[in-house]
Amino acid sequence: MTRIVLCCAAGMSTSMLVNKMKAEAQQRALALEIYAVAVAEFERELPHADVILLGPQVKYEAGRLTALAAPQGKAVAVIDMADYGMMRGAAVLDKALALLEH
């Protein structure tokens, strides 16, 4: 099963967005595992993730985390601030799926 992991400062603020993404994935009949973790857990979760999306509040970590993920062929991207703030689960899911295709 494809795993999409959202990382934020504490793993809590993304929980609502995760729920919206799960609902959208279910509507599209996509078999995905979507969950949130704190950015401090990134290295532990990396081997299990297919794509990692960072909350805007931890975008300062993007360079370091991308450097860790790239050798494993894993994509890391920052969630658009407007999509995050408006909890646009469909848009964020689309971004994750686009990263999986590359």
N, C-alpha and C. Protein backbone atom coordinates (compact mmCIF):
# COMPACT_ATOMS: atom_id res chain seq x y z
N MET A 1 0.85 -1.18 0.00
CA MET A 1 0.00 0.00 0.00
C MET A 1 0.89 1.24 0.00
N THR A 2 0.49 2.22 -0.76
CA THR A 2 1.23 3.48 -0.84
C THR A 2 1.01 4.30 0.42
N ARG A 3 2.11 4.82 0.95
CA ARG A 3 2.04 5.61 2.19
C ARG A 3 2.42 7.06 1.92
N ILE A 4 1.53 7.95 2.34
CA ILE A 4 1.76 9.39 2.27
C ILE A 4 1.87 9.88 3.71
N VAL A 5 3.01 10.49 4.03
CA VAL A 5 3.25 10.95 5.39
C VAL A 5 3.33 12.47 5.40
N LEU A 6 2.56 13.08 6.28
CA LEU A 6 2.61 14.52 6.48
C LEU A 6 3.40 14.80 7.74
N CYS A 7 4.34 15.71 7.67
CA CYS A 7 5.15 16.08 8.83
C CYS A 7 4.88 17.52 9.21
N CYS A 8 4.70 17.74 10.49
CA CYS A 8 4.56 19.11 10.99
C CYS A 8 5.36 19.22 12.28
N ALA A 9 5.24 20.32 12.95
CA ALA A 9 6.06 20.56 14.14
C ALA A 9 5.84 19.49 15.21
N ALA A 10 4.59 19.14 15.47
CA ALA A 10 4.31 18.16 16.51
C ALA A 10 3.49 16.98 16.03
N GLY A 11 3.10 16.95 14.78
CA GLY A 11 2.29 15.86 14.26
C GLY A 11 0.81 16.00 14.55
N MET A 12 0.43 17.11 15.15
CA MET A 12 -0.96 17.30 15.55
C MET A 12 -1.72 18.21 14.58
N SER A 13 -1.11 19.27 14.14
CA SER A 13 -1.84 20.26 13.34
C SER A 13 -2.25 19.72 11.98
N THR A 14 -1.62 18.65 11.53
CA THR A 14 -1.97 18.09 10.23
C THR A 14 -3.08 17.05 10.32
N SER A 15 -3.53 16.71 11.51
CA SER A 15 -4.51 15.63 11.64
C SER A 15 -5.82 15.92 10.91
N MET A 16 -6.28 17.16 10.94
CA MET A 16 -7.50 17.50 10.22
C MET A 16 -7.29 17.36 8.71
N LEU A 17 -6.14 17.80 8.24
CA LEU A 17 -5.83 17.68 6.81
C LEU A 17 -5.72 16.22 6.41
N VAL A 18 -5.13 15.40 7.24
CA VAL A 18 -5.04 13.96 6.98
C VAL A 18 -6.44 13.38 6.81
N ASN A 19 -7.35 13.75 7.70
CA ASN A 19 -8.72 13.23 7.61
C ASN A 19 -9.39 13.64 6.30
N LYS A 20 -9.17 14.87 5.87
CA LYS A 20 -9.76 15.33 4.59
C LYS A 20 -9.13 14.58 3.42
N MET A 21 -7.83 14.34 3.49
CA MET A 21 -7.16 13.59 2.43
C MET A 21 -7.65 12.15 2.38
N LYS A 22 -7.84 11.54 3.54
CA LYS A 22 -8.35 10.16 3.59
C LYS A 22 -9.74 10.09 2.98
N ALA A 23 -10.59 11.06 3.31
CA ALA A 23 -11.95 11.07 2.76
C ALA A 23 -11.92 11.21 1.24
N GLU A 24 -11.04 12.06 0.74
CA GLU A 24 -10.91 12.25 -0.71
C GLU A 24 -10.38 10.98 -1.37
N ALA A 25 -9.40 10.35 -0.76
CA ALA A 25 -8.85 9.10 -1.31
C ALA A 25 -9.92 8.01 -1.35
N GLN A 26 -10.75 7.96 -0.32
CA GLN A 26 -11.83 6.97 -0.28
C GLN A 26 -12.84 7.24 -1.40
N GLN A 27 -13.18 8.51 -1.62
CA GLN A 27 -14.11 8.86 -2.70
C GLN A 27 -13.56 8.46 -4.06
N ARG A 28 -12.25 8.53 -4.20
CA ARG A 28 -11.60 8.17 -5.47
C ARG A 28 -11.25 6.68 -5.55
N ALA A 29 -11.59 5.94 -4.51
CA ALA A 29 -11.30 4.50 -4.43
C ALA A 29 -9.81 4.22 -4.56
N LEU A 30 -9.00 5.04 -3.87
CA LEU A 30 -7.55 4.86 -3.87
C LEU A 30 -7.12 4.15 -2.59
N ALA A 31 -6.29 3.15 -2.73
CA ALA A 31 -5.77 2.42 -1.58
C ALA A 31 -4.50 3.11 -1.09
N LEU A 32 -4.67 4.01 -0.14
CA LEU A 32 -3.56 4.79 0.38
C LEU A 32 -3.57 4.76 1.90
N GLU A 33 -2.39 4.79 2.48
CA GLU A 33 -2.26 5.00 3.91
C GLU A 33 -1.73 6.41 4.08
N ILE A 34 -2.48 7.24 4.79
CA ILE A 34 -2.11 8.65 4.97
C ILE A 34 -2.09 8.92 6.47
N TYR A 35 -0.97 9.44 6.96
CA TYR A 35 -0.89 9.73 8.39
C TYR A 35 0.09 10.87 8.64
N ALA A 36 0.03 11.42 9.85
CA ALA A 36 0.87 12.56 10.23
C ALA A 36 1.82 12.17 11.34
N VAL A 37 3.01 12.76 11.28
CA VAL A 37 4.01 12.56 12.33
C VAL A 37 4.68 13.90 12.61
N ALA A 38 5.35 13.98 13.74
CA ALA A 38 6.16 15.15 14.05
C ALA A 38 7.43 15.10 13.20
N VAL A 39 7.94 16.25 12.84
CA VAL A 39 9.15 16.31 12.01
C VAL A 39 10.32 15.61 12.70
N ALA A 40 10.30 15.56 14.02
CA ALA A 40 11.35 14.86 14.77
C ALA A 40 11.36 13.36 14.48
N GLU A 41 10.24 12.83 13.99
CA GLU A 41 10.13 11.39 13.68
C GLU A 41 10.42 11.09 12.21
N PHE A 42 10.82 12.09 11.45
CA PHE A 42 11.02 11.95 10.00
C PHE A 42 11.94 10.78 9.66
N GLU A 43 13.11 10.73 10.26
CA GLU A 43 14.08 9.69 9.90
C GLU A 43 13.57 8.29 10.23
N ARG A 44 12.80 8.16 11.29
CA ARG A 44 12.24 6.86 11.65
C ARG A 44 11.16 6.43 10.66
N GLU A 45 10.38 7.39 10.16
CA GLU A 45 9.29 7.09 9.24
C GLU A 45 9.73 6.98 7.79
N LEU A 46 10.85 7.57 7.45
CA LEU A 46 11.30 7.63 6.06
C LEU A 46 11.31 6.28 5.35
N PRO A 47 11.82 5.21 5.94
CA PRO A 47 11.84 3.94 5.21
C PRO A 47 10.44 3.41 4.85
N HIS A 48 9.43 3.84 5.59
CA HIS A 48 8.06 3.34 5.39
C HIS A 48 7.23 4.22 4.47
N ALA A 49 7.71 5.43 4.19
CA ALA A 49 6.94 6.40 3.42
C ALA A 49 7.26 6.31 1.93
N ASP A 50 6.27 6.58 1.11
CA ASP A 50 6.49 6.69 -0.33
C ASP A 50 6.64 8.15 -0.74
N VAL A 51 5.93 9.02 -0.04
CA VAL A 51 6.02 10.46 -0.30
C VAL A 51 5.85 11.17 1.04
N ILE A 52 6.58 12.26 1.23
CA ILE A 52 6.52 13.01 2.49
C ILE A 52 6.17 14.45 2.17
N LEU A 53 5.13 14.94 2.82
CA LEU A 53 4.71 16.33 2.66
C LEU A 53 4.94 17.06 3.97
N LEU A 54 5.57 18.22 3.87
CA LEU A 54 5.88 19.01 5.06
C LEU A 54 4.86 20.13 5.24
N GLY A 55 4.43 20.32 6.47
CA GLY A 55 3.57 21.45 6.77
C GLY A 55 4.35 22.74 6.59
N PRO A 56 3.68 23.83 6.22
CA PRO A 56 4.37 25.10 5.98
C PRO A 56 5.21 25.57 7.17
N GLN A 57 4.81 25.19 8.38
CA GLN A 57 5.53 25.65 9.56
C GLN A 57 6.89 24.99 9.72
N VAL A 58 7.16 23.93 8.96
CA VAL A 58 8.48 23.27 9.02
C VAL A 58 9.19 23.30 7.67
N LYS A 59 8.80 24.24 6.81
CA LYS A 59 9.43 24.30 5.49
C LYS A 59 10.92 24.60 5.59
N TYR A 60 11.35 25.21 6.69
CA TYR A 60 12.78 25.48 6.89
C TYR A 60 13.60 24.19 6.94
N GLU A 61 12.95 23.06 7.18
CA GLU A 61 13.61 21.76 7.23
C GLU A 61 13.67 21.07 5.87
N ALA A 62 13.05 21.65 4.85
CA ALA A 62 12.91 20.98 3.56
C ALA A 62 14.25 20.56 2.95
N GLY A 63 15.23 21.42 2.97
CA GLY A 63 16.53 21.09 2.38
C GLY A 63 17.18 19.90 3.06
N ARG A 64 17.21 19.92 4.37
CA ARG A 64 17.84 18.83 5.13
C ARG A 64 17.09 17.52 4.92
N LEU A 65 15.77 17.57 4.98
CA LEU A 65 14.97 16.36 4.86
C LEU A 65 15.01 15.80 3.45
N THR A 66 15.03 16.67 2.46
CA THR A 66 15.15 16.22 1.07
C THR A 66 16.49 15.51 0.87
N ALA A 67 17.55 16.04 1.47
CA ALA A 67 18.87 15.41 1.35
C ALA A 67 18.88 14.02 1.97
N LEU A 68 18.12 13.82 3.03
CA LEU A 68 18.02 12.50 3.65
C LEU A 68 17.18 11.54 2.81
N ALA A 69 16.14 12.07 2.18
CA ALA A 69 15.19 11.23 1.44
C ALA A 69 15.66 10.87 0.03
N ALA A 70 16.37 11.77 -0.61
CA ALA A 70 16.77 11.58 -2.01
C ALA A 70 17.53 10.28 -2.27
N PRO A 71 18.51 9.90 -1.43
CA PRO A 71 19.22 8.65 -1.69
C PRO A 71 18.32 7.42 -1.66
N GLN A 72 17.18 7.53 -1.00
CA GLN A 72 16.23 6.42 -0.94
C GLN A 72 15.16 6.53 -2.03
N GLY A 73 15.27 7.55 -2.87
CA GLY A 73 14.30 7.74 -3.95
C GLY A 73 12.95 8.22 -3.47
N LYS A 74 12.93 8.88 -2.33
CA LYS A 74 11.67 9.37 -1.76
C LYS A 74 11.51 10.86 -2.05
N ALA A 75 10.30 11.27 -2.39
CA ALA A 75 10.01 12.67 -2.68
C ALA A 75 9.58 13.39 -1.41
N VAL A 76 10.07 14.62 -1.25
CA VAL A 76 9.69 15.49 -0.14
C VAL A 76 9.25 16.81 -0.74
N ALA A 77 8.12 17.34 -0.27
CA ALA A 77 7.63 18.64 -0.75
C ALA A 77 6.92 19.36 0.38
N VAL A 78 6.88 20.67 0.27
CA VAL A 78 6.18 21.50 1.25
C VAL A 78 4.76 21.72 0.76
N ILE A 79 3.80 21.55 1.66
CA ILE A 79 2.39 21.78 1.34
C ILE A 79 2.17 23.28 1.15
N ASP A 80 1.46 23.64 0.10
CA ASP A 80 1.12 25.03 -0.16
C ASP A 80 0.40 25.63 1.05
N MET A 81 0.84 26.82 1.45
CA MET A 81 0.28 27.44 2.66
C MET A 81 -1.23 27.65 2.56
N ALA A 82 -1.72 28.07 1.40
CA ALA A 82 -3.16 28.29 1.24
C ALA A 82 -3.92 26.97 1.33
N ASP A 83 -3.40 25.92 0.69
CA ASP A 83 -4.06 24.61 0.75
C ASP A 83 -4.07 24.09 2.18
N TYR A 84 -2.97 24.32 2.89
CA TYR A 84 -2.87 23.88 4.29
C TYR A 84 -3.86 24.65 5.16
N GLY A 85 -3.84 25.97 5.03
CA GLY A 85 -4.70 26.81 5.86
C GLY A 85 -6.18 26.59 5.61
N MET A 86 -6.54 26.32 4.36
CA MET A 86 -7.94 26.09 4.01
C MET A 86 -8.32 24.61 4.12
N MET A 87 -7.36 23.78 4.51
CA MET A 87 -7.58 22.33 4.67
C MET A 87 -8.14 21.72 3.38
N ARG A 88 -7.51 22.04 2.27
CA ARG A 88 -7.93 21.51 0.97
C ARG A 88 -7.33 20.12 0.76
N GLY A 89 -7.98 19.14 1.32
CA GLY A 89 -7.50 17.76 1.24
C GLY A 89 -7.32 17.26 -0.17
N ALA A 90 -8.23 17.61 -1.06
CA ALA A 90 -8.14 17.15 -2.45
C ALA A 90 -6.90 17.71 -3.13
N ALA A 91 -6.61 18.98 -2.92
CA ALA A 91 -5.45 19.61 -3.56
C ALA A 91 -4.15 19.03 -3.03
N VAL A 92 -4.09 18.79 -1.74
CA VAL A 92 -2.87 18.22 -1.15
C VAL A 92 -2.70 16.77 -1.60
N LEU A 93 -3.80 16.04 -1.69
CA LEU A 93 -3.73 14.67 -2.20
C LEU A 93 -3.23 14.67 -3.65
N ASP A 94 -3.72 15.59 -4.46
CA ASP A 94 -3.27 15.69 -5.84
C ASP A 94 -1.76 15.94 -5.91
N LYS A 95 -1.26 16.79 -5.02
CA LYS A 95 0.18 17.07 -4.99
C LYS A 95 0.97 15.81 -4.66
N ALA A 96 0.50 15.07 -3.66
CA ALA A 96 1.19 13.83 -3.27
C ALA A 96 1.18 12.82 -4.41
N LEU A 97 0.05 12.68 -5.07
CA LEU A 97 -0.06 11.73 -6.18
C LEU A 97 0.84 12.13 -7.34
N ALA A 98 0.95 13.43 -7.60
CA ALA A 98 1.84 13.90 -8.66
C ALA A 98 3.29 13.57 -8.34
N LEU A 99 3.67 13.69 -7.08
CA LEU A 99 5.03 13.36 -6.67
C LEU A 99 5.31 11.87 -6.83
N LEU A 100 4.31 11.06 -6.60
CA LEU A 100 4.48 9.61 -6.76
C LEU A 100 4.71 9.22 -8.21
N GLU A 101 4.15 9.98 -9.13
CA GLU A 101 4.27 9.67 -10.55
C GLU A 101 5.65 9.99 -11.10
N HIS A 102 6.41 10.83 -10.41
CA HIS A 102 7.73 11.23 -10.93
C HIS A 102 8.81 10.32 -10.44
